[in-house]
PDB file of N, CA and C in Angstrom:
ATOM      1  N   UNK A   1       0.836  -1.180   0.000  1.00  0.00           N
ATOM      2  CA  UNK A   1       0.000   0.000   0.000  1.00  0.00           C
ATOM      3  C   UNK A   1       0.878   1.239   0.000  1.00  0.00           C
ATOM      4  N   UNK A   2       0.576   2.153  -0.886  1.00  0.00           N
ATOM      5  CA  UNK A   2       1.351   3.381  -0.985  1.00  0.00           C
ATOM      6  C   UNK A   2       0.665   4.509  -0.218  1.00  0.00           C
ATOM      7  N   UNK A   3       1.454   5.288   0.486  1.00  0.00           N
ATOM      8  CA  UNK A   3       0.958   6.472   1.183  1.00  0.00           C
ATOM      9  C   UNK A   3       1.248   7.671   0.293  1.00  0.00           C
ATOM     10  N   UNK A   4       0.213   8.425  -0.018  1.00  0.00           N
ATOM     11  CA  UNK A   4       0.341   9.588  -0.889  1.00  0.00           C
ATOM     12  C   UNK A   4      -0.022  10.841  -0.109  1.00  0.00           C
ATOM     13  N   UNK A   5       0.747  11.910  -0.346  1.00  0.00           N
ATOM     14  CA  UNK A   5       0.475  13.193   0.303  1.00  0.00           C
ATOM     15  C   UNK A   5       0.663  14.305  -0.713  1.00  0.00           C
ATOM     16  N   UNK A   6       0.096  15.458  -0.396  1.00  0.00           N
ATOM     17  CA  UNK A   6       0.271  16.633  -1.236  1.00  0.00           C
ATOM     18  C   UNK A   6       0.739  17.800  -0.368  1.00  0.00           C
ATOM     19  N   UNK A   7       1.598  18.603  -0.938  1.00  0.00           N
ATOM     20  CA  UNK A   7       1.981  19.882  -0.349  1.00  0.00           C
ATOM     21  C   UNK A   7       1.731  20.933  -1.417  1.00  0.00           C
ATOM     22  N   UNK A   8       0.967  21.947  -1.069  1.00  0.00           N
ATOM     23  CA  UNK A   8       0.707  23.064  -1.975  1.00  0.00           C
ATOM     24  C   UNK A   8       1.621  24.213  -1.554  1.00  0.00           C
ATOM     25  N   UNK A   9       2.308  24.782  -2.534  1.00  0.00           N
ATOM     26  CA  UNK A   9       3.239  25.868  -2.250  1.00  0.00           C
ATOM     27  C   UNK A   9       2.857  27.129  -3.001  1.00  0.00           C
ATOM     28  N   UNK A  10       3.256  28.245  -2.434  1.00  0.00           N
ATOM     29  CA  UNK A  10       3.141  29.540  -3.099  1.00  0.00           C
ATOM     30  C   UNK A  10       4.235  30.436  -2.537  1.00  0.00           C
ATOM     31  N   UNK A  11       5.285  30.584  -3.300  1.00  0.00           N
ATOM     32  CA  UNK A  11       6.425  31.416  -2.900  1.00  0.00           C
ATOM     33  C   UNK A  11       6.985  30.998  -1.540  1.00  0.00           C
ATOM     34  N   UNK A  12       7.043  29.696  -1.282  1.00  0.00           N
ATOM     35  CA  UNK A  12       7.539  29.206  -0.005  1.00  0.00           C
ATOM     36  C   UNK A  12       9.053  29.315   0.096  1.00  0.00           C
ATOM     37  N   UNK A  13       9.525  29.390   1.330  1.00  0.00           N
ATOM     38  CA  UNK A  13      10.947  29.366   1.614  1.00  0.00           C
ATOM     39  C   UNK A  13      11.464  27.976   1.261  1.00  0.00           C
ATOM     40  N   UNK A  14      12.404  27.863   0.321  1.00  0.00           N
ATOM     41  CA  UNK A  14      12.864  26.542  -0.111  1.00  0.00           C
ATOM     42  C   UNK A  14      13.530  25.729   0.997  1.00  0.00           C
ATOM     43  N   UNK A  15      14.193  26.371   1.929  1.00  0.00           N
ATOM     44  CA  UNK A  15      14.860  25.652   3.022  1.00  0.00           C
ATOM     45  C   UNK A  15      13.827  24.976   3.922  1.00  0.00           C
ATOM     46  N   UNK A  16      12.806  25.705   4.295  1.00  0.00           N
ATOM     47  CA  UNK A  16      11.752  25.148   5.151  1.00  0.00           C
ATOM     48  C   UNK A  16      10.972  24.074   4.401  1.00  0.00           C
ATOM     49  N   UNK A  17      10.682  24.307   3.131  1.00  0.00           N
ATOM     50  CA  UNK A  17       9.960  23.327   2.328  1.00  0.00           C
ATOM     51  C   UNK A  17      10.766  22.040   2.187  1.00  0.00           C
ATOM     52  N   UNK A  18      12.070  22.151   1.960  1.00  0.00           N
ATOM     53  CA  UNK A  18      12.932  20.974   1.839  1.00  0.00           C
ATOM     54  C   UNK A  18      12.926  20.171   3.130  1.00  0.00           C
ATOM     55  N   UNK A  19      12.901  20.832   4.281  1.00  0.00           N
ATOM     56  CA  UNK A  19      12.824  20.135   5.568  1.00  0.00           C
ATOM     57  C   UNK A  19      11.521  19.349   5.676  1.00  0.00           C
ATOM     58  N   UNK A  20      10.421  19.935   5.236  1.00  0.00           N
ATOM     59  CA  UNK A  20       9.127  19.244   5.278  1.00  0.00           C
ATOM     60  C   UNK A  20       9.131  18.037   4.345  1.00  0.00           C
ATOM     61  N   UNK A  21       9.672  18.206   3.156  1.00  0.00           N
ATOM     62  CA  UNK A  21       9.747  17.108   2.191  1.00  0.00           C
ATOM     63  C   UNK A  21      10.596  15.976   2.743  1.00  0.00           C
ATOM     64  N   UNK A  22      11.777  16.321   3.251  1.00  0.00           N
ATOM     65  CA  UNK A  22      12.676  15.305   3.801  1.00  0.00           C
ATOM     66  C   UNK A  22      12.042  14.571   4.972  1.00  0.00           C
ATOM     67  N   UNK A  23      11.284  15.276   5.788  1.00  0.00           N
ATOM     68  CA  UNK A  23      10.606  14.646   6.920  1.00  0.00           C
ATOM     69  C   UNK A  23       9.598  13.608   6.444  1.00  0.00           C
ATOM     70  N   UNK A  24       8.841  13.941   5.407  1.00  0.00           N
ATOM     71  CA  UNK A  24       7.863  12.993   4.863  1.00  0.00           C
ATOM     72  C   UNK A  24       8.551  11.786   4.235  1.00  0.00           C
ATOM     73  N   UNK A  25       9.660  12.014   3.544  1.00  0.00           N
ATOM     74  CA  UNK A  25      10.353  10.933   2.834  1.00  0.00           C
ATOM     75  C   UNK A  25      11.202  10.058   3.749  1.00  0.00           C
ATOM     76  N   UNK A  26      11.430  10.482   4.966  1.00  0.00           N
ATOM     77  CA  UNK A  26      12.286   9.752   5.901  1.00  0.00           C
ATOM     78  C   UNK A  26      11.543   8.549   6.484  1.00  0.00           C
ATOM     79  N   UNK A  27      11.315   7.551   5.662  1.00  0.00           N
ATOM     80  CA  UNK A  27      10.577   6.358   6.060  1.00  0.00           C
ATOM     81  C   UNK A  27      10.954   5.195   5.148  1.00  0.00           C
ATOM     82  N   UNK A  28      10.699   4.013   5.601  1.00  0.00           N
ATOM     83  CA  UNK A  28      10.889   2.824   4.769  1.00  0.00           C
ATOM     84  C   UNK A  28       9.582   2.444   4.061  1.00  0.00           C
ATOM     85  N   UNK A  29       8.514   3.168   4.351  1.00  0.00           N
ATOM     86  CA  UNK A  29       7.226   2.904   3.722  1.00  0.00           C
ATOM     87  C   UNK A  29       7.236   3.362   2.264  1.00  0.00           C
ATOM     88  N   UNK A  30       6.317   2.833   1.492  1.00  0.00           N
ATOM     89  CA  UNK A  30       6.153   3.217   0.097  1.00  0.00           C
ATOM     90  C   UNK A  30       5.356   4.520   0.059  1.00  0.00           C
ATOM     91  N   UNK A  31       6.045   5.641  -0.227  1.00  0.00           N
ATOM     92  CA  UNK A  31       5.391   6.948  -0.207  1.00  0.00           C
ATOM     93  C   UNK A  31       5.551   7.655  -1.545  1.00  0.00           C
ATOM     94  N   UNK A  32       4.613   8.548  -1.813  1.00  0.00           N
ATOM     95  CA  UNK A  32       4.666   9.419  -2.978  1.00  0.00           C
ATOM     96  C   UNK A  32       4.157  10.780  -2.544  1.00  0.00           C
ATOM     97  N   UNK A  33       4.906  11.815  -2.884  1.00  0.00           N
ATOM     98  CA  UNK A  33       4.541  13.182  -2.515  1.00  0.00           C
ATOM     99  C   UNK A  33       4.317  13.993  -3.776  1.00  0.00           C
ATOM    100  N   UNK A  34       3.163  14.622  -3.868  1.00  0.00           N
ATOM    101  CA  UNK A  34       2.887  15.568  -4.938  1.00  0.00           C
ATOM    102  C   UNK A  34       3.170  16.957  -4.383  1.00  0.00           C
ATOM    103  N   UNK A  35       4.130  17.639  -4.983  1.00  0.00           N
ATOM    104  CA  UNK A  35       4.450  19.016  -4.621  1.00  0.00           C
ATOM    105  C   UNK A  35       3.825  19.895  -5.684  1.00  0.00           C
ATOM    106  N   UNK A  36       2.780  20.598  -5.298  1.00  0.00           N
ATOM    107  CA  UNK A  36       1.995  21.370  -6.248  1.00  0.00           C
ATOM    108  C   UNK A  36       2.309  22.840  -6.028  1.00  0.00           C
ATOM    109  N   UNK A  37       2.939  23.435  -7.016  1.00  0.00           N
ATOM    110  CA  UNK A  37       3.479  24.779  -6.894  1.00  0.00           C
ATOM    111  C   UNK A  37       2.590  25.789  -7.608  1.00  0.00           C
ATOM    112  N   UNK A  38       1.976  26.662  -6.824  1.00  0.00           N
ATOM    113  CA  UNK A  38       1.131  27.729  -7.352  1.00  0.00           C
ATOM    114  C   UNK A  38       1.913  29.029  -7.557  1.00  0.00           C
ATOM    115  N   UNK A  39       3.217  28.996  -7.388  1.00  0.00           N
ATOM    116  CA  UNK A  39       4.053  30.187  -7.507  1.00  0.00           C
ATOM    117  C   UNK A  39       4.128  30.671  -8.954  1.00  0.00           C
ATOM    118  N   UNK A  40       4.480  31.939  -9.159  1.00  0.00           N
ATOM    119  CA  UNK A  40       4.583  32.454 -10.527  1.00  0.00           C
ATOM    120  C   UNK A  40       5.810  31.945 -11.287  1.00  0.00           C
ATOM    121  N   UNK A  41       6.814  31.437 -10.583  1.00  0.00           N
ATOM    122  CA  UNK A  41       8.011  30.867 -11.222  1.00  0.00           C
ATOM    123  C   UNK A  41       8.297  29.514 -10.593  1.00  0.00           C
ATOM    124  N   UNK A  42       8.965  28.632 -11.343  1.00  0.00           N
ATOM    125  CA  UNK A  42       9.177  27.260 -10.862  1.00  0.00           C
ATOM    126  C   UNK A  42      10.538  27.071 -10.173  1.00  0.00           C
ATOM    127  N   UNK A  43      10.943  28.015  -9.342  1.00  0.00           N
ATOM    128  CA  UNK A  43      12.208  27.932  -8.611  1.00  0.00           C
ATOM    129  C   UNK A  43      12.279  26.725  -7.683  1.00  0.00           C
ATOM    130  N   UNK A  44      11.154  26.237  -7.223  1.00  0.00           N
ATOM    131  CA  UNK A  44      11.143  25.119  -6.272  1.00  0.00           C
ATOM    132  C   UNK A  44      11.396  23.771  -6.945  1.00  0.00           C
ATOM    133  N   UNK A  45      11.371  23.724  -8.245  1.00  0.00           N
ATOM    134  CA  UNK A  45      11.598  22.475  -8.976  1.00  0.00           C
ATOM    135  C   UNK A  45      12.941  21.844  -8.590  1.00  0.00           C
ATOM    136  N   UNK A  46      13.911  22.657  -8.294  1.00  0.00           N
ATOM    137  CA  UNK A  46      15.260  22.181  -7.995  1.00  0.00           C
ATOM    138  C   UNK A  46      15.352  21.341  -6.724  1.00  0.00           C
ATOM    139  N   UNK A  47      14.419  21.479  -5.800  1.00  0.00           N
ATOM    140  CA  UNK A  47      14.509  20.713  -4.551  1.00  0.00           C
ATOM    141  C   UNK A  47      13.796  19.365  -4.657  1.00  0.00           C
ATOM    142  N   UNK A  48      13.303  19.027  -5.826  1.00  0.00           N
ATOM    143  CA  UNK A  48      12.506  17.807  -6.009  1.00  0.00           C
ATOM    144  C   UNK A  48      13.269  16.752  -6.786  1.00  0.00           C
ATOM    145  N   UNK A  49      14.387  16.343  -6.294  1.00  0.00           N
ATOM    146  CA  UNK A  49      15.216  15.377  -7.017  1.00  0.00           C
ATOM    147  C   UNK A  49      14.908  13.925  -6.666  1.00  0.00           C
ATOM    148  N   UNK A  50      14.149  13.686  -5.627  1.00  0.00           N
ATOM    149  CA  UNK A  50      13.820  12.330  -5.204  1.00  0.00           C
ATOM    150  C   UNK A  50      12.735  11.753  -6.110  1.00  0.00           C
ATOM    151  N   UNK A  51      12.879  10.495  -6.506  1.00  0.00           N
ATOM    152  CA  UNK A  51      11.907   9.852  -7.404  1.00  0.00           C
ATOM    153  C   UNK A  51      10.518   9.736  -6.778  1.00  0.00           C
ATOM    154  N   UNK A  52      10.433   9.878  -5.450  1.00  0.00           N
ATOM    155  CA  UNK A  52       9.148   9.780  -4.755  1.00  0.00           C
ATOM    156  C   UNK A  52       8.415  11.109  -4.677  1.00  0.00           C
ATOM    157  N   UNK A  53       8.965  12.132  -5.319  1.00  0.00           N
ATOM    158  CA  UNK A  53       8.337  13.453  -5.345  1.00  0.00           C
ATOM    159  C   UNK A  53       7.984  13.799  -6.781  1.00  0.00           C
ATOM    160  N   UNK A  54       6.724  14.121  -6.982  1.00  0.00           N
ATOM    161  CA  UNK A  54       6.281  14.568  -8.299  1.00  0.00           C
ATOM    162  C   UNK A  54       5.958  16.054  -8.205  1.00  0.00           C
ATOM    163  N   UNK A  55       6.682  16.843  -8.977  1.00  0.00           N
ATOM    164  CA  UNK A  55       6.529  18.299  -8.963  1.00  0.00           C
ATOM    165  C   UNK A  55       5.528  18.714 -10.031  1.00  0.00           C
ATOM    166  N   UNK A  56       4.543  19.509  -9.618  1.00  0.00           N
ATOM    167  CA  UNK A  56       3.526  20.006 -10.542  1.00  0.00           C
ATOM    168  C   UNK A  56       3.536  21.528 -10.454  1.00  0.00           C
ATOM    169  N   UNK A  57       3.850  22.170 -11.547  1.00  0.00           N
ATOM    170  CA  UNK A  57       3.928  23.629 -11.600  1.00  0.00           C
ATOM    171  C   UNK A  57       2.686  24.174 -12.288  1.00  0.00           C
ATOM    172  N   UNK A  58       1.929  24.985 -11.571  1.00  0.00           N
ATOM    173  CA  UNK A  58       0.686  25.535 -12.117  1.00  0.00           C
ATOM    174  C   UNK A  58       0.861  26.882 -12.799  1.00  0.00           C
ATOM    175  N   UNK A  59       1.930  27.620 -12.461  1.00  0.00           N
ATOM    176  CA  UNK A  59       2.182  28.935 -13.037  1.00  0.00           C
ATOM    177  C   UNK A  59       1.067  29.934 -12.725  1.00  0.00           C
ATOM    178  N   UNK A  60       0.265  29.630 -11.715  1.00  0.00           N
ATOM    179  CA  UNK A  60      -0.801  30.524 -11.281  1.00  0.00           C
ATOM    180  C   UNK A  60      -1.253  30.089  -9.896  1.00  0.00           C
ATOM    181  N   UNK A  61      -1.729  31.039  -9.123  1.00  0.00           N
ATOM    182  CA  UNK A  61      -2.224  30.707  -7.791  1.00  0.00           C
ATOM    183  C   UNK A  61      -3.669  30.223  -7.913  1.00  0.00           C
ATOM    184  N   UNK A  62      -3.821  28.909  -8.030  1.00  0.00           N
ATOM    185  CA  UNK A  62      -5.150  28.318  -8.198  1.00  0.00           C
ATOM    186  C   UNK A  62      -5.931  28.253  -6.896  1.00  0.00           C
ATOM    187  N   UNK A  63      -5.259  28.481  -5.795  1.00  0.00           N
ATOM    188  CA  UNK A  63      -5.889  28.350  -4.489  1.00  0.00           C
ATOM    189  C   UNK A  63      -5.496  27.033  -3.842  1.00  0.00           C
ATOM    190  N   UNK A  64      -5.553  27.021  -2.523  1.00  0.00           N
ATOM    191  CA  UNK A  64      -5.108  25.887  -1.721  1.00  0.00           C
ATOM    192  C   UNK A  64      -5.914  24.620  -2.024  1.00  0.00           C
ATOM    193  N   UNK A  65      -7.221  24.711  -1.963  1.00  0.00           N
ATOM    194  CA  UNK A  65      -8.074  23.538  -2.165  1.00  0.00           C
ATOM    195  C   UNK A  65      -8.005  22.995  -3.578  1.00  0.00           C
ATOM    196  N   UNK A  66      -8.078  23.867  -4.551  1.00  0.00           N
ATOM    197  CA  UNK A  66      -8.045  23.420  -5.948  1.00  0.00           C
ATOM    198  C   UNK A  66      -6.707  22.745  -6.275  1.00  0.00           C
ATOM    199  N   UNK A  67      -5.621  23.286  -5.739  1.00  0.00           N
ATOM    200  CA  UNK A  67      -4.305  22.687  -5.981  1.00  0.00           C
ATOM    201  C   UNK A  67      -4.208  21.311  -5.327  1.00  0.00           C
ATOM    202  N   UNK A  68      -4.729  21.154  -4.117  1.00  0.00           N
ATOM    203  CA  UNK A  68      -4.736  19.828  -3.490  1.00  0.00           C
ATOM    204  C   UNK A  68      -5.560  18.841  -4.317  1.00  0.00           C
ATOM    205  N   UNK A  69      -6.644  19.288  -4.888  1.00  0.00           N
ATOM    206  CA  UNK A  69      -7.474  18.418  -5.720  1.00  0.00           C
ATOM    207  C   UNK A  69      -6.703  17.882  -6.921  1.00  0.00           C
ATOM    208  N   UNK A  70      -5.763  18.636  -7.440  1.00  0.00           N
ATOM    209  CA  UNK A  70      -4.925  18.156  -8.541  1.00  0.00           C
ATOM    210  C   UNK A  70      -4.151  16.927  -8.088  1.00  0.00           C
ATOM    211  N   UNK A  71      -3.523  17.014  -6.920  1.00  0.00           N
ATOM    212  CA  UNK A  71      -2.780  15.873  -6.388  1.00  0.00           C
ATOM    213  C   UNK A  71      -3.667  14.686  -6.079  1.00  0.00           C
ATOM    214  N   UNK A  72      -4.821  14.947  -5.519  1.00  0.00           N
ATOM    215  CA  UNK A  72      -5.755  13.865  -5.196  1.00  0.00           C
ATOM    216  C   UNK A  72      -6.196  13.151  -6.473  1.00  0.00           C
ATOM    217  N   UNK A  73      -6.515  13.915  -7.503  1.00  0.00           N
ATOM    218  CA  UNK A  73      -6.941  13.307  -8.768  1.00  0.00           C
ATOM    219  C   UNK A  73      -5.824  12.489  -9.404  1.00  0.00           C
ATOM    220  N   UNK A  74      -4.592  12.979  -9.333  1.00  0.00           N
ATOM    221  CA  UNK A  74      -3.464  12.203  -9.878  1.00  0.00           C
ATOM    222  C   UNK A  74      -3.236  10.916  -9.110  1.00  0.00           C
ATOM    223  N   UNK A  75      -3.428  10.945  -7.809  1.00  0.00           N
ATOM    224  CA  UNK A  75      -3.179   9.763  -7.002  1.00  0.00           C
ATOM    225  C   UNK A  75      -4.226   8.664  -7.245  1.00  0.00           C
ATOM    226  N   UNK A  76      -5.365   9.037  -7.785  1.00  0.00           N
ATOM    227  CA  UNK A  76      -6.425   8.064  -8.033  1.00  0.00           C
ATOM    228  C   UNK A  76      -6.290   7.406  -9.401  1.00  0.00           C
ATOM    229  N   UNK A  77      -5.361   7.867 -10.219  1.00  0.00           N
ATOM    230  CA  UNK A  77      -5.159   7.278 -11.563  1.00  0.00           C
ATOM    231  C   UNK A  77      -4.257   6.088 -11.505  1.00  0.00           C
TER     232      UNK A  77
END
């Protein structure tokens, strides 16, 4: 069974975001993290080098709930 999570970002501090990502990935469980970026630029793409992180760049602030729905819909496919 895979554990899936989403983090929605908007101009987040990359250092703090990387700590959150690393905390989630620090497990032997089968995990997948969708990092959904609502920022105007994709600067956060660089911190997503782990194969268990899928980076989604929206290039617009779609809102917190709508962005989470993107990750939820992807996880159901």
